[in-house]
Amino acid sequence: MAAQGLADMAGNDVAVRSIQLGAQLPGRFPATTGQITTNNASLAAGAQATFTVTNSFVSANDIIILSIKSGSNSTGTDVFVSTVAAGSFNITVDNNAAGAETGAIIITFAVVKVQG
């Protein structure tokens, strides 16, 4: 279930085939920062979708910071990290808007390393 596309330290996009599939980050990863571009799959009002980002730089104790850079067609769409594990983290897209989210969302991330 790897997504198609590329990502690297220079900030090139990962094109996620579906917001509900996992995103494999090939190329020059592990990386401390990057961005992910979802496709424009429809996410119904009030719905959530979660996908996995694979990044061997990530440890289970790390903090992942996310933001929506652009692409969302609604101010009611949020993204958050729902799980962090060794080698991966899950991103959940939450549509709190009254209508469907149909934009291709660009999500930026940063990994903060935590000792312990």
N, C-alpha and C. Protein backbone atom coordinates (compact mmCIF):
# COMPACT_ATOMS: atom_id res chain seq x y z
N MET A 1 0.81 -1.19 0.00
CA MET A 1 0.00 0.00 0.00
C MET A 1 0.87 1.26 0.00
N ALA A 2 2.05 1.20 -0.57
CA ALA A 2 2.87 2.40 -0.64
C ALA A 2 2.26 3.38 -1.62
N ALA A 3 2.38 4.64 -1.29
CA ALA A 3 1.85 5.69 -2.16
C ALA A 3 2.83 5.96 -3.28
N GLN A 4 2.33 6.53 -4.35
CA GLN A 4 3.22 6.88 -5.44
C GLN A 4 3.79 8.26 -5.20
N GLY A 5 4.98 8.51 -5.73
CA GLY A 5 5.58 9.83 -5.58
C GLY A 5 6.91 9.79 -4.86
N LEU A 6 7.49 10.95 -4.62
CA LEU A 6 8.80 11.07 -4.01
C LEU A 6 8.79 12.10 -2.91
N ALA A 7 9.74 11.98 -2.03
CA ALA A 7 9.95 13.02 -1.03
C ALA A 7 11.43 13.03 -0.71
N ASP A 8 11.98 14.19 -0.42
CA ASP A 8 13.38 14.25 -0.02
C ASP A 8 13.64 15.47 0.85
N MET A 9 14.88 15.62 1.26
CA MET A 9 15.25 16.71 2.16
C MET A 9 15.01 18.08 1.53
N ALA A 10 14.98 18.15 0.21
CA ALA A 10 14.76 19.43 -0.48
C ALA A 10 13.30 19.85 -0.45
N GLY A 11 12.44 19.01 0.09
CA GLY A 11 11.03 19.39 0.23
C GLY A 11 10.18 18.99 -0.95
N ASN A 12 10.64 18.06 -1.78
CA ASN A 12 9.79 17.60 -2.86
C ASN A 12 8.60 16.83 -2.30
N ASP A 13 7.52 16.81 -3.04
CA ASP A 13 6.27 16.24 -2.56
C ASP A 13 6.24 14.73 -2.59
N VAL A 14 5.43 14.19 -1.70
CA VAL A 14 4.99 12.80 -1.80
C VAL A 14 3.55 12.88 -2.27
N ALA A 15 3.24 12.31 -3.40
CA ALA A 15 1.87 12.31 -3.90
C ALA A 15 1.18 11.08 -3.34
N VAL A 16 0.28 11.27 -2.44
CA VAL A 16 -0.42 10.15 -1.82
C VAL A 16 -1.60 9.81 -2.70
N ARG A 17 -1.62 8.60 -3.20
CA ARG A 17 -2.66 8.16 -4.11
C ARG A 17 -4.04 8.33 -3.51
N SER A 18 -4.15 8.05 -2.25
CA SER A 18 -5.41 8.25 -1.55
C SER A 18 -5.07 8.68 -0.14
N ILE A 19 -5.84 9.58 0.36
CA ILE A 19 -5.61 10.10 1.70
C ILE A 19 -5.72 8.98 2.74
N GLN A 20 -6.23 7.82 2.32
CA GLN A 20 -6.41 6.72 3.26
C GLN A 20 -5.35 5.64 3.12
N LEU A 21 -4.37 5.86 2.24
CA LEU A 21 -3.29 4.89 2.09
C LEU A 21 -2.04 5.40 2.79
N GLY A 22 -1.11 4.49 3.05
CA GLY A 22 0.15 4.87 3.68
C GLY A 22 1.04 5.62 2.72
N ALA A 23 1.91 6.46 3.25
CA ALA A 23 2.85 7.22 2.43
C ALA A 23 4.26 6.72 2.70
N GLN A 24 4.87 6.11 1.72
CA GLN A 24 6.25 5.66 1.83
C GLN A 24 7.14 6.80 1.35
N LEU A 25 8.14 7.16 2.13
CA LEU A 25 9.01 8.26 1.77
C LEU A 25 10.34 7.73 1.25
N PRO A 26 10.45 7.52 -0.07
CA PRO A 26 11.67 6.98 -0.65
C PRO A 26 12.71 8.07 -0.86
N GLY A 27 13.85 7.70 -1.37
CA GLY A 27 14.86 8.69 -1.72
C GLY A 27 15.85 8.89 -0.59
N ARG A 28 16.09 10.15 -0.22
CA ARG A 28 17.12 10.47 0.75
C ARG A 28 16.62 10.49 2.18
N PHE A 29 15.65 9.70 2.50
CA PHE A 29 15.21 9.61 3.88
C PHE A 29 16.07 8.61 4.59
N PRO A 30 16.33 8.76 5.87
CA PRO A 30 15.55 9.47 6.86
C PRO A 30 15.70 10.98 6.76
N ALA A 31 14.68 11.69 7.18
CA ALA A 31 14.68 13.14 7.10
C ALA A 31 14.02 13.74 8.32
N THR A 32 14.47 14.93 8.69
CA THR A 32 13.88 15.61 9.83
C THR A 32 12.72 16.50 9.42
N THR A 33 12.64 16.86 8.14
CA THR A 33 11.54 17.70 7.65
C THR A 33 11.10 17.21 6.28
N GLY A 34 9.89 17.60 5.89
CA GLY A 34 9.41 17.25 4.56
C GLY A 34 7.98 17.73 4.37
N GLN A 35 7.45 17.39 3.22
CA GLN A 35 6.05 17.71 2.97
C GLN A 35 5.40 16.58 2.19
N ILE A 36 4.12 16.45 2.41
CA ILE A 36 3.31 15.39 1.82
C ILE A 36 2.14 16.06 1.12
N THR A 37 1.89 15.67 -0.11
CA THR A 37 0.73 16.19 -0.84
C THR A 37 -0.26 15.06 -1.05
N THR A 38 -1.46 15.23 -0.51
CA THR A 38 -2.50 14.23 -0.73
C THR A 38 -3.10 14.46 -2.12
N ASN A 39 -3.84 13.49 -2.61
CA ASN A 39 -4.59 13.76 -3.82
C ASN A 39 -5.88 14.47 -3.42
N ASN A 40 -6.75 14.70 -4.35
CA ASN A 40 -7.98 15.44 -4.05
C ASN A 40 -9.16 14.51 -3.79
N ALA A 41 -8.89 13.38 -3.13
CA ALA A 41 -9.97 12.47 -2.75
C ALA A 41 -10.92 13.18 -1.80
N SER A 42 -12.18 12.92 -1.93
CA SER A 42 -13.19 13.59 -1.11
C SER A 42 -13.21 12.99 0.30
N LEU A 43 -13.21 13.88 1.30
CA LEU A 43 -13.35 13.48 2.69
C LEU A 43 -14.62 14.14 3.20
N ALA A 44 -15.61 13.34 3.51
CA ALA A 44 -16.94 13.84 3.88
C ALA A 44 -16.89 14.74 5.11
N ALA A 45 -17.90 15.60 5.22
CA ALA A 45 -18.03 16.47 6.39
C ALA A 45 -18.07 15.61 7.65
N GLY A 46 -17.30 16.01 8.66
CA GLY A 46 -17.28 15.29 9.92
C GLY A 46 -16.47 14.01 9.92
N ALA A 47 -15.80 13.69 8.81
CA ALA A 47 -15.05 12.44 8.70
C ALA A 47 -13.56 12.65 8.97
N GLN A 48 -12.89 11.55 9.27
CA GLN A 48 -11.45 11.53 9.45
C GLN A 48 -10.85 10.45 8.55
N ALA A 49 -9.62 10.67 8.15
CA ALA A 49 -8.86 9.65 7.42
C ALA A 49 -7.44 9.66 7.98
N THR A 50 -6.86 8.49 8.16
CA THR A 50 -5.53 8.35 8.73
C THR A 50 -4.63 7.62 7.75
N PHE A 51 -3.39 8.09 7.61
CA PHE A 51 -2.41 7.38 6.79
C PHE A 51 -1.08 7.37 7.52
N THR A 52 -0.22 6.41 7.14
CA THR A 52 1.07 6.21 7.78
C THR A 52 2.18 6.81 6.93
N VAL A 53 3.07 7.55 7.57
CA VAL A 53 4.27 8.07 6.93
C VAL A 53 5.44 7.25 7.45
N THR A 54 6.17 6.58 6.55
CA THR A 54 7.31 5.77 6.93
C THR A 54 8.58 6.60 6.81
N ASN A 55 9.31 6.73 7.92
CA ASN A 55 10.53 7.53 7.95
C ASN A 55 11.42 6.93 9.03
N SER A 56 12.51 6.30 8.61
CA SER A 56 13.37 5.57 9.56
C SER A 56 14.08 6.49 10.55
N PHE A 57 14.04 7.80 10.34
CA PHE A 57 14.63 8.76 11.28
C PHE A 57 13.81 8.87 12.56
N VAL A 58 12.54 8.51 12.50
CA VAL A 58 11.61 8.71 13.62
C VAL A 58 11.77 7.61 14.66
N SER A 59 11.86 8.04 15.92
CA SER A 59 11.85 7.12 17.07
C SER A 59 10.53 7.27 17.81
N ALA A 60 10.18 6.28 18.57
CA ALA A 60 8.89 6.28 19.26
C ALA A 60 8.71 7.45 20.22
N ASN A 61 9.80 8.01 20.76
CA ASN A 61 9.71 9.11 21.71
C ASN A 61 9.72 10.49 21.06
N ASP A 62 9.89 10.56 19.75
CA ASP A 62 10.02 11.84 19.06
C ASP A 62 8.70 12.60 18.99
N ILE A 63 8.82 13.89 18.76
CA ILE A 63 7.67 14.77 18.59
C ILE A 63 7.59 15.14 17.11
N ILE A 64 6.42 14.99 16.52
CA ILE A 64 6.19 15.35 15.12
C ILE A 64 5.33 16.60 15.09
N ILE A 65 5.81 17.61 14.39
CA ILE A 65 5.06 18.86 14.24
C ILE A 65 4.50 18.90 12.83
N LEU A 66 3.21 19.21 12.70
CA LEU A 66 2.53 19.26 11.40
C LEU A 66 1.89 20.62 11.17
N SER A 67 1.76 20.98 9.91
CA SER A 67 0.94 22.13 9.54
C SER A 67 0.41 21.92 8.13
N ILE A 68 -0.74 22.54 7.86
CA ILE A 68 -1.27 22.54 6.50
C ILE A 68 -0.68 23.75 5.79
N LYS A 69 0.14 23.48 4.78
CA LYS A 69 0.79 24.55 4.03
C LYS A 69 -0.20 25.19 3.06
N SER A 70 -0.94 24.37 2.35
CA SER A 70 -1.93 24.86 1.39
C SER A 70 -2.75 23.69 0.87
N GLY A 71 -3.71 24.03 0.02
CA GLY A 71 -4.47 23.00 -0.66
C GLY A 71 -5.82 22.69 -0.08
N SER A 72 -6.00 22.91 1.20
CA SER A 72 -7.28 22.61 1.81
C SER A 72 -8.33 23.57 1.26
N ASN A 73 -9.50 23.05 0.94
CA ASN A 73 -10.56 23.93 0.43
C ASN A 73 -11.50 24.36 1.55
N SER A 74 -11.12 24.11 2.79
CA SER A 74 -11.98 24.43 3.92
C SER A 74 -11.13 24.89 5.10
N THR A 75 -11.62 25.88 5.83
CA THR A 75 -10.92 26.27 7.05
C THR A 75 -11.23 25.31 8.19
N GLY A 76 -12.09 24.35 7.95
CA GLY A 76 -12.47 23.39 8.97
C GLY A 76 -11.68 22.11 8.92
N THR A 77 -10.63 22.05 8.12
CA THR A 77 -9.82 20.84 8.02
C THR A 77 -8.59 20.97 8.90
N ASP A 78 -8.34 19.95 9.71
CA ASP A 78 -7.19 19.92 10.60
C ASP A 78 -6.39 18.66 10.33
N VAL A 79 -5.10 18.71 10.65
CA VAL A 79 -4.25 17.52 10.61
C VAL A 79 -3.57 17.38 11.97
N PHE A 80 -3.40 16.15 12.40
CA PHE A 80 -2.69 15.90 13.65
C PHE A 80 -2.02 14.54 13.61
N VAL A 81 -1.01 14.39 14.45
CA VAL A 81 -0.31 13.11 14.57
C VAL A 81 -1.10 12.25 15.53
N SER A 82 -1.52 11.08 15.07
CA SER A 82 -2.32 10.21 15.92
C SER A 82 -1.51 9.07 16.54
N THR A 83 -0.35 8.76 15.96
CA THR A 83 0.52 7.71 16.49
C THR A 83 1.95 7.98 16.07
N VAL A 84 2.90 7.75 16.97
CA VAL A 84 4.33 7.78 16.64
C VAL A 84 4.93 6.45 17.08
N ALA A 85 5.68 5.83 16.17
CA ALA A 85 6.34 4.56 16.46
C ALA A 85 7.74 4.62 15.87
N ALA A 86 8.56 3.67 16.21
CA ALA A 86 9.89 3.61 15.62
C ALA A 86 9.76 3.41 14.11
N GLY A 87 10.24 4.38 13.35
CA GLY A 87 10.24 4.27 11.89
C GLY A 87 9.01 4.80 11.19
N SER A 88 8.04 5.33 11.92
CA SER A 88 6.83 5.82 11.25
C SER A 88 6.00 6.69 12.19
N PHE A 89 5.05 7.41 11.57
CA PHE A 89 4.04 8.12 12.33
C PHE A 89 2.77 8.18 11.50
N ASN A 90 1.64 8.27 12.17
CA ASN A 90 0.35 8.36 11.49
C ASN A 90 -0.14 9.80 11.52
N ILE A 91 -0.67 10.24 10.39
CA ILE A 91 -1.30 11.55 10.28
C ILE A 91 -2.79 11.31 10.08
N THR A 92 -3.60 12.02 10.87
CA THR A 92 -5.04 11.98 10.70
C THR A 92 -5.50 13.32 10.16
N VAL A 93 -6.29 13.26 9.08
CA VAL A 93 -6.91 14.44 8.50
C VAL A 93 -8.35 14.46 9.01
N ASP A 94 -8.73 15.56 9.64
CA ASP A 94 -10.03 15.69 10.28
C ASP A 94 -10.82 16.81 9.60
N ASN A 95 -11.93 16.47 8.99
CA ASN A 95 -12.76 17.47 8.31
C ASN A 95 -13.89 17.89 9.25
N ASN A 96 -13.71 19.05 9.86
CA ASN A 96 -14.72 19.60 10.77
C ASN A 96 -15.69 20.53 10.07
N ALA A 97 -15.58 20.63 8.76
CA ALA A 97 -16.40 21.56 7.99
C ALA A 97 -17.78 20.97 7.71
N ALA A 98 -18.69 21.83 7.26
CA ALA A 98 -20.05 21.40 6.92
C ALA A 98 -20.09 20.69 5.57
N GLY A 99 -19.07 20.87 4.75
CA GLY A 99 -19.03 20.23 3.43
C GLY A 99 -17.81 19.34 3.29
N ALA A 100 -17.74 18.64 2.16
CA ALA A 100 -16.64 17.72 1.90
C ALA A 100 -15.34 18.47 1.66
N GLU A 101 -14.24 17.88 2.10
CA GLU A 101 -12.89 18.38 1.79
C GLU A 101 -12.46 17.69 0.51
N THR A 102 -12.22 18.45 -0.54
CA THR A 102 -11.84 17.87 -1.82
C THR A 102 -10.52 18.41 -2.34
N GLY A 103 -9.84 19.22 -1.57
CA GLY A 103 -8.57 19.78 -2.01
C GLY A 103 -7.42 18.82 -1.83
N ALA A 104 -6.38 19.00 -2.65
CA ALA A 104 -5.13 18.27 -2.47
C ALA A 104 -4.35 19.04 -1.40
N ILE A 105 -4.23 18.47 -0.22
CA ILE A 105 -3.66 19.17 0.92
C ILE A 105 -2.15 18.95 0.96
N ILE A 106 -1.40 20.03 1.14
CA ILE A 106 0.04 19.94 1.34
C ILE A 106 0.30 20.07 2.84
N ILE A 107 0.84 19.00 3.41
CA ILE A 107 1.12 18.92 4.84
C ILE A 107 2.63 18.95 5.02
N THR A 108 3.12 19.90 5.82
CA THR A 108 4.55 19.92 6.14
C THR A 108 4.75 19.29 7.51
N PHE A 109 5.94 18.66 7.68
CA PHE A 109 6.21 18.05 8.97
C PHE A 109 7.65 18.32 9.38
N ALA A 110 7.88 18.27 10.69
CA ALA A 110 9.21 18.36 11.27
C ALA A 110 9.30 17.35 12.40
N VAL A 111 10.43 16.67 12.50
CA VAL A 111 10.67 15.70 13.55
C VAL A 111 11.57 16.34 14.59
N VAL A 112 11.12 16.37 15.84
CA VAL A 112 11.93 16.87 16.95
C VAL A 112 12.43 15.64 17.71
N LYS A 113 13.74 15.46 17.73
CA LYS A 113 14.32 14.29 18.40
C LYS A 113 14.26 14.46 19.92
N VAL A 114 13.82 13.42 20.60
CA VAL A 114 13.72 13.41 22.06
C VAL A 114 14.57 12.27 22.59
N GLN A 115 15.43 12.57 23.53
CA GLN A 115 16.26 11.54 24.15
C GLN A 115 15.42 10.71 25.10
N GLY A 116 15.70 9.43 25.15
CA GLY A 116 15.02 8.61 26.14
C GLY A 116 14.37 7.43 25.64
